[in-house]
Protein backbone atom coordinates (compact mmCIF):
# COMPACT_ATOMS: atom_id res chain seq x y z
CA UNK A 1 -24.00 -36.11 86.05
CA UNK A 2 -26.12 -37.99 83.08
CA UNK A 3 -27.16 -34.63 81.82
CA UNK A 4 -23.45 -33.22 81.98
CA UNK A 5 -22.41 -36.44 80.19
CA UNK A 6 -25.00 -35.97 77.59
CA UNK A 7 -23.82 -32.24 77.03
CA UNK A 8 -20.28 -33.50 76.69
CA UNK A 9 -21.30 -36.04 74.02
CA UNK A 10 -23.12 -33.41 72.18
CA UNK A 11 -20.17 -30.88 72.13
CA UNK A 12 -17.91 -33.51 70.88
CA UNK A 13 -20.47 -34.20 68.03
CA UNK A 14 -20.75 -30.70 67.43
CA UNK A 15 -17.01 -30.16 67.12
CA UNK A 16 -16.71 -33.06 64.88
CA UNK A 17 -19.43 -31.72 62.57
CA UNK A 18 -17.95 -28.32 62.62
CA UNK A 19 -14.54 -29.64 61.62
CA UNK A 20 -15.94 -31.57 58.95
CA UNK A 21 -17.78 -28.63 57.63
CA UNK A 22 -14.55 -26.48 57.71
CA UNK A 23 -12.64 -29.31 55.93
CA UNK A 24 -15.26 -29.47 53.21
CA UNK A 25 -15.35 -25.76 52.87
CA UNK A 26 -11.40 -25.95 52.55
CA UNK A 27 -11.63 -28.51 49.97
CA UNK A 28 -14.31 -26.62 48.13
CA UNK A 29 -12.25 -23.39 48.19
CA UNK A 30 -9.30 -25.39 46.97
CA UNK A 31 -11.17 -26.84 43.89
CA UNK A 32 -12.25 -23.36 43.02
CA UNK A 33 -8.67 -21.86 43.29
CA UNK A 34 -7.55 -24.97 41.00
CA UNK A 35 -10.33 -24.26 38.51
CA UNK A 36 -9.68 -20.50 38.53
CA UNK A 37 -5.93 -21.30 37.64
CA UNK A 38 -6.63 -23.60 35.23
CA UNK A 39 -8.88 -21.08 33.36
CA UNK A 40 -5.83 -18.67 33.54
CA UNK A 41 -3.46 -20.98 31.99
CA UNK A 42 -6.33 -21.77 29.15
CA UNK A 43 -6.56 -18.41 28.64
CA UNK A 44 -2.55 -17.70 28.32
CA UNK A 45 -2.36 -20.63 26.00
CA UNK A 46 -4.98 -19.04 23.81
CA UNK A 47 -3.38 -15.80 23.80
CA UNK A 48 0.13 -17.25 22.94
CA UNK A 49 -1.80 -19.29 20.08
CA UNK A 50 -3.29 -16.10 18.78
CA UNK A 51 -0.21 -13.87 19.06
CA UNK A 52 1.82 -16.68 17.26
CA UNK A 53 -1.04 -16.64 14.36
CA UNK A 54 -0.87 -12.88 14.37
CA UNK A 55 2.92 -13.07 13.49
CA UNK A 56 2.44 -15.87 10.84
CA UNK A 57 -0.47 -14.16 9.08
CA UNK A 58 -0.13 -12.88 5.56
CA UNK A 59 0.60 -9.10 5.20
CA UNK A 60 -1.65 -8.75 1.92
CA UNK A 61 -5.34 -9.96 1.47
CA UNK A 62 -6.86 -10.14 -2.16
CA UNK A 63 -10.52 -10.75 -2.77
CA UNK A 64 -13.35 -9.78 -5.01
CA UNK A 65 -14.58 -7.27 -2.68
CA UNK A 66 -11.16 -5.56 -2.69
CA UNK A 67 -10.60 -5.83 -6.60
CA UNK A 68 -13.79 -4.84 -7.83
CA UNK A 69 -13.79 -1.28 -7.26
CA UNK A 70 -10.04 -1.20 -8.81
CA UNK A 71 -10.87 -3.19 -11.73
CA UNK A 72 -14.18 -0.91 -12.27
CA UNK A 73 -11.90 2.15 -12.06
CA UNK A 74 -9.69 0.67 -14.54
CA UNK A 75 -12.23 -0.33 -17.10
CA UNK A 76 -13.96 2.82 -16.81
CA UNK A 77 -10.93 4.81 -17.43
CA UNK A 78 -9.96 2.60 -20.42
CA UNK A 79 -13.13 3.12 -21.87
CA UNK A 80 -12.81 6.84 -21.50
CA UNK A 81 -9.27 6.79 -23.02
CA UNK A 82 -10.61 5.26 -26.22
CA UNK A 83 -13.39 7.42 -26.54
CA UNK A 84 -11.99 10.68 -25.96
CA UNK A 85 -8.78 10.00 -27.78
CA UNK A 86 -10.42 9.34 -30.78
CA UNK A 87 -11.71 12.85 -30.97
CA UNK A 88 -8.30 14.42 -30.82
CA UNK A 89 -6.40 15.90 -33.60
CA UNK A 90 -2.87 17.30 -33.89
CA UNK A 91 -2.69 21.00 -34.36
CA UNK A 92 -2.70 22.66 -37.60
CA UNK A 93 0.25 24.58 -39.30
CA UNK A 94 -1.79 27.79 -38.46
CA UNK A 95 -2.34 26.72 -35.01
CA UNK A 96 1.39 26.11 -34.22
CA UNK A 97 2.43 29.30 -35.82
CA UNK A 98 0.25 30.98 -33.48
CA UNK A 99 1.69 29.41 -30.06
CA UNK A 100 3.99 31.59 -28.33
CA UNK A 101 6.35 30.84 -25.42
CA UNK A 102 4.99 34.05 -23.13
CA UNK A 103 1.77 32.06 -22.93
CA UNK A 104 3.36 29.33 -20.87
CA UNK A 105 3.85 29.53 -17.14
CA UNK A 106 7.18 31.10 -15.85
CA UNK A 107 8.56 28.19 -14.25
CA UNK A 108 7.67 25.89 -17.19
CA UNK A 109 8.60 28.21 -20.08
CA UNK A 110 12.36 27.13 -19.90
CA UNK A 111 11.48 23.46 -21.25
CA UNK A 112 10.34 25.12 -24.58
CA UNK A 113 13.95 25.46 -25.84
CA UNK A 114 15.02 21.95 -24.72
CA UNK A 115 15.24 19.30 -27.37
CA UNK A 116 17.80 16.47 -26.71
CA UNK A 117 17.66 13.00 -28.19
CA UNK A 118 20.20 11.56 -25.76
CA UNK A 119 17.88 12.79 -23.07
CA UNK A 120 15.03 10.96 -24.73
CA UNK A 121 16.72 7.84 -24.97
CA UNK A 122 17.77 7.98 -21.05
CA UNK A 123 14.31 8.66 -20.09
CA UNK A 124 13.05 5.58 -22.28
CA UNK A 125 15.72 3.44 -20.84
CA UNK A 126 14.87 4.47 -17.17
CA UNK A 127 11.49 3.65 -17.76
CA UNK A 128 11.65 0.31 -19.16
CA UNK A 129 14.46 -0.51 -16.77
CA UNK A 130 11.87 0.42 -14.01
CA UNK A 131 9.99 -2.79 -14.78
CA UNK A 132 12.98 -4.95 -13.57
CA UNK A 133 12.37 -3.08 -10.07
CA UNK A 134 9.35 -4.90 -8.81
CA UNK A 135 11.42 -8.35 -10.13
CA UNK A 136 13.97 -7.84 -7.85
CA UNK A 137 12.19 -7.74 -4.92
CA UNK A 138 11.01 -11.25 -5.81
CA UNK A 139 14.50 -12.30 -4.59
CA UNK A 140 13.43 -11.67 -1.18
CA UNK A 141 11.88 -14.81 0.36
CA UNK A 142 9.11 -13.04 2.22
CA UNK A 143 7.90 -11.57 -1.10
CA UNK A 144 7.78 -14.80 -2.90
CA UNK A 145 5.71 -16.32 -0.07
CA UNK A 146 2.89 -13.71 -1.06
CA UNK A 147 3.53 -13.88 -4.67
CA UNK A 148 -0.06 -14.26 -5.70
CA UNK A 149 -1.12 -11.27 -3.86
CA UNK A 150 2.18 -9.12 -4.97
CA UNK A 151 1.42 -10.19 -8.65
CA UNK A 152 -2.22 -9.16 -8.49
CA UNK A 153 -1.28 -5.77 -6.84
CA UNK A 154 1.34 -5.19 -9.43
CA UNK A 155 -0.86 -5.73 -12.19
CA UNK A 156 -3.73 -3.56 -10.86
CA UNK A 157 -0.77 -0.70 -10.44
CA UNK A 158 0.29 -0.87 -13.73
CA UNK A 159 -2.89 -1.06 -15.00
CA UNK A 160 -4.48 1.84 -13.19
CA UNK A 161 -1.68 4.13 -13.34
CA UNK A 162 -1.63 3.72 -17.20
CA UNK A 163 -5.30 4.40 -17.88
CA UNK A 164 -5.17 6.99 -15.31
CA UNK A 165 -2.36 8.81 -16.86
CA UNK A 166 -3.67 8.41 -20.51
CA UNK A 167 -7.08 9.68 -19.35
CA UNK A 168 -5.44 12.92 -17.83
CA UNK A 169 -3.70 13.48 -21.14
CA UNK A 170 -6.82 13.16 -23.40
CA UNK A 171 -8.75 15.37 -21.16
CA UNK A 172 -6.34 18.20 -20.80
CA UNK A 173 -4.98 18.22 -24.01
CA UNK A 174 -1.69 20.15 -23.25
CA UNK A 175 0.88 20.95 -26.04
CA UNK A 176 4.32 19.62 -25.47
CA UNK A 177 7.28 21.97 -25.06
CA UNK A 178 8.78 20.86 -28.47
CA UNK A 179 5.58 22.51 -30.15
CA UNK A 180 7.08 26.01 -28.95
CA UNK A 181 10.48 25.25 -30.06
CA UNK A 182 11.50 26.84 -33.42
CA UNK A 183 14.24 24.45 -33.82
CA UNK A 184 12.10 21.39 -33.90
CA UNK A 185 11.03 20.24 -37.83
CA UNK A 186 7.19 21.01 -38.32
CA UNK A 187 6.58 17.43 -39.15
CA UNK A 188 7.44 16.47 -35.55
CA UNK A 189 4.71 19.01 -34.30
CA UNK A 190 1.76 18.04 -36.35
CA UNK A 191 0.88 14.37 -34.49
CA UNK A 192 -1.73 13.69 -32.20
CA UNK A 193 0.77 13.02 -29.51
CA UNK A 194 2.16 16.54 -29.37
CA UNK A 195 -0.97 17.59 -27.58
CA UNK A 196 -0.54 14.86 -24.63
CA UNK A 197 1.91 16.79 -22.53
CA UNK A 198 -0.03 16.50 -19.24
CA UNK A 199 1.14 14.78 -17.41
CA UNK A 200 4.43 12.74 -17.80
CA UNK A 201 3.71 8.97 -18.68
CA UNK A 202 7.19 8.33 -18.38
CA UNK A 203 7.68 9.66 -14.84
CA UNK A 204 4.21 8.23 -13.55
CA UNK A 205 4.82 4.89 -14.86
CA UNK A 206 8.58 4.77 -13.05
CA UNK A 207 7.18 6.20 -9.73
CA UNK A 208 4.23 3.56 -9.57
CA UNK A 209 6.44 0.80 -10.24
CA UNK A 210 9.40 1.74 -7.95
CA UNK A 211 7.15 3.01 -5.16
CA UNK A 212 5.04 -0.24 -5.46
CA UNK A 213 8.26 -2.00 -5.18
CA UNK A 214 9.71 -0.18 -2.14
CA UNK A 215 6.17 -0.42 -0.29
CA UNK A 216 5.95 -4.14 -0.62
CA UNK A 217 9.48 -4.55 0.35
CA UNK A 218 9.19 -2.55 3.53
CA UNK A 219 5.85 -4.27 4.30
CA UNK A 220 7.04 -7.44 4.09
CA UNK A 221 10.59 -6.85 5.75
CA UNK A 222 9.77 -4.33 8.59
CA UNK A 223 13.34 -4.85 10.44
CA UNK A 224 15.34 -4.55 7.16
CA UNK A 225 18.40 -2.70 7.45
CA UNK A 226 18.12 -1.96 3.69
CA UNK A 227 14.70 -0.62 3.83
CA UNK A 228 16.09 3.31 3.61
CA UNK A 229 18.31 2.28 0.52
CA UNK A 230 15.54 0.65 -1.13
CA UNK A 231 13.22 3.88 -0.79
CA UNK A 232 16.11 6.07 -1.78
CA UNK A 233 16.28 4.23 -4.98
CA UNK A 234 12.78 4.10 -5.51
CA UNK A 235 12.53 8.08 -5.20
CA UNK A 236 15.49 8.76 -7.26
CA UNK A 237 14.91 6.76 -10.53
CA UNK A 238 11.66 8.50 -11.51
CA UNK A 239 13.35 11.77 -10.73
CA UNK A 240 15.93 11.19 -13.29
CA UNK A 241 13.58 9.93 -15.69
CA UNK A 242 11.48 13.25 -15.14
CA UNK A 243 14.62 15.40 -15.63
CA UNK A 244 15.52 13.69 -18.89
CA UNK A 245 11.97 14.14 -20.23
CA UNK A 246 12.26 17.96 -19.56
CA UNK A 247 15.63 17.97 -21.39
CA UNK A 248 14.08 15.97 -24.37
CA UNK A 249 11.52 18.74 -24.84
CA UNK A 250 8.69 16.33 -24.23
CA UNK A 251 7.37 17.57 -20.96
CA UNK A 252 7.20 20.77 -18.58
CA UNK A 253 8.26 20.91 -15.17
CA UNK A 254 4.69 20.90 -13.82
CA UNK A 255 4.00 17.73 -15.88
CA UNK A 256 7.01 15.87 -14.25
CA UNK A 257 5.66 16.86 -10.69
CA UNK A 258 2.14 15.83 -11.01
CA UNK A 259 3.23 12.81 -12.88
CA UNK A 260 5.59 11.85 -9.92
CA UNK A 261 2.95 12.32 -7.45
CA UNK A 262 0.15 10.85 -9.13
CA UNK A 263 2.78 7.40 -9.91
CA UNK A 264 4.13 7.71 -6.42
CA UNK A 265 0.60 7.60 -4.88
CA UNK A 266 -0.79 4.90 -6.83
CA UNK A 267 2.15 2.69 -6.28
CA UNK A 268 2.01 3.12 -2.65
CA UNK A 269 -1.72 3.30 -2.01
CA UNK A 270 -2.59 -0.08 -3.90
CA UNK A 271 -0.48 -2.13 -1.54
CA UNK A 272 -1.64 -0.24 1.41
CA UNK A 273 -5.28 -0.59 0.41
CA UNK A 274 -4.41 -4.75 0.32
CA UNK A 275 -2.64 -4.89 3.81
CA UNK A 276 -4.41 -7.12 6.49
CA UNK A 277 -5.02 -5.33 9.79
CA UNK A 278 -3.39 -6.59 12.54
CA UNK A 279 -4.91 -9.17 14.88
CA UNK A 280 -5.60 -7.65 18.26
CA UNK A 281 -5.25 -9.86 21.19
CA UNK A 282 -5.84 -8.16 24.82
CA UNK A 283 -5.66 -9.75 28.29
CA UNK A 284 -7.02 -8.00 31.37
CA UNK A 285 -8.13 -8.87 34.71
CA UNK A 286 -12.00 -9.01 35.71
CA UNK A 287 -13.88 -9.23 38.91
CA UNK A 288 -12.87 -11.61 41.50
CA UNK A 289 -9.27 -11.83 39.93
CA UNK A 290 -10.34 -13.57 37.01
CA UNK A 291 -8.44 -13.11 33.52
CA UNK A 292 -10.44 -11.83 30.51
CA UNK A 293 -9.21 -12.37 26.90
CA UNK A 294 -10.13 -10.18 23.91
CA UNK A 295 -9.66 -11.43 20.49
CA UNK A 296 -10.20 -9.62 17.25
CA UNK A 297 -9.44 -11.04 13.91
CA UNK A 298 -9.62 -8.61 10.68
CA UNK A 299 -9.02 -8.56 7.27
């Protein structure tokens, strides 16, 4: 009887101990779940903050690291322009008399019969008016918010396109179409400028300014419904200027095509080069159901 009583008491103590252990284990599991849930909530908050930061970050970034190669190119080409231009002379009367339209590429030959002063004035007006195109985009608030970067890029675009255009002219030394035109007075053919046809500076300058403006506006207004109109205007204005330069007898068709492409490329690529890479935020599920957060912030 005594042994049975002891056994019963031992069994009761064992049950109590087991229940206590189970309760402790249950509490421990609940605590771990709460910690895991807190971690998930914390990660979600961090992700939300990062996404907000990404949406509010600037589109463009300027720094000495980015500007140094551009400025070096501008200075180098500028020095080259000065040195090479000083060694260029206008054609002599004998050299002009020896020029023949038959030596011109077939698709360019028609330009040798053009000489319109009204077209010359139109091309001047179109090029100088294109300087207003970058100013117009400053009416847009997102552009004004990044005014410092935009102005730096604009200056680089104008300078780089200018020195690159002149460098091409002084290296190629192509005769202008008007030198082949017998109706043009001889004194207009003897100048140094008569040997700077390739490529069209009016067209390249206009294209650079217009494409720069369209690119910046599009980057800062990705959802704007007028983007297509902005790009259409940017493409049309340098085309009109180029056509007028051919009508004025100042350039061949190939001068216009190359000038358009060079200016458009510089106007587009300078802003693209300065764009900030988008911040990347990714969430994943790791082992034991834990969330993992990956954040990459680049410029």
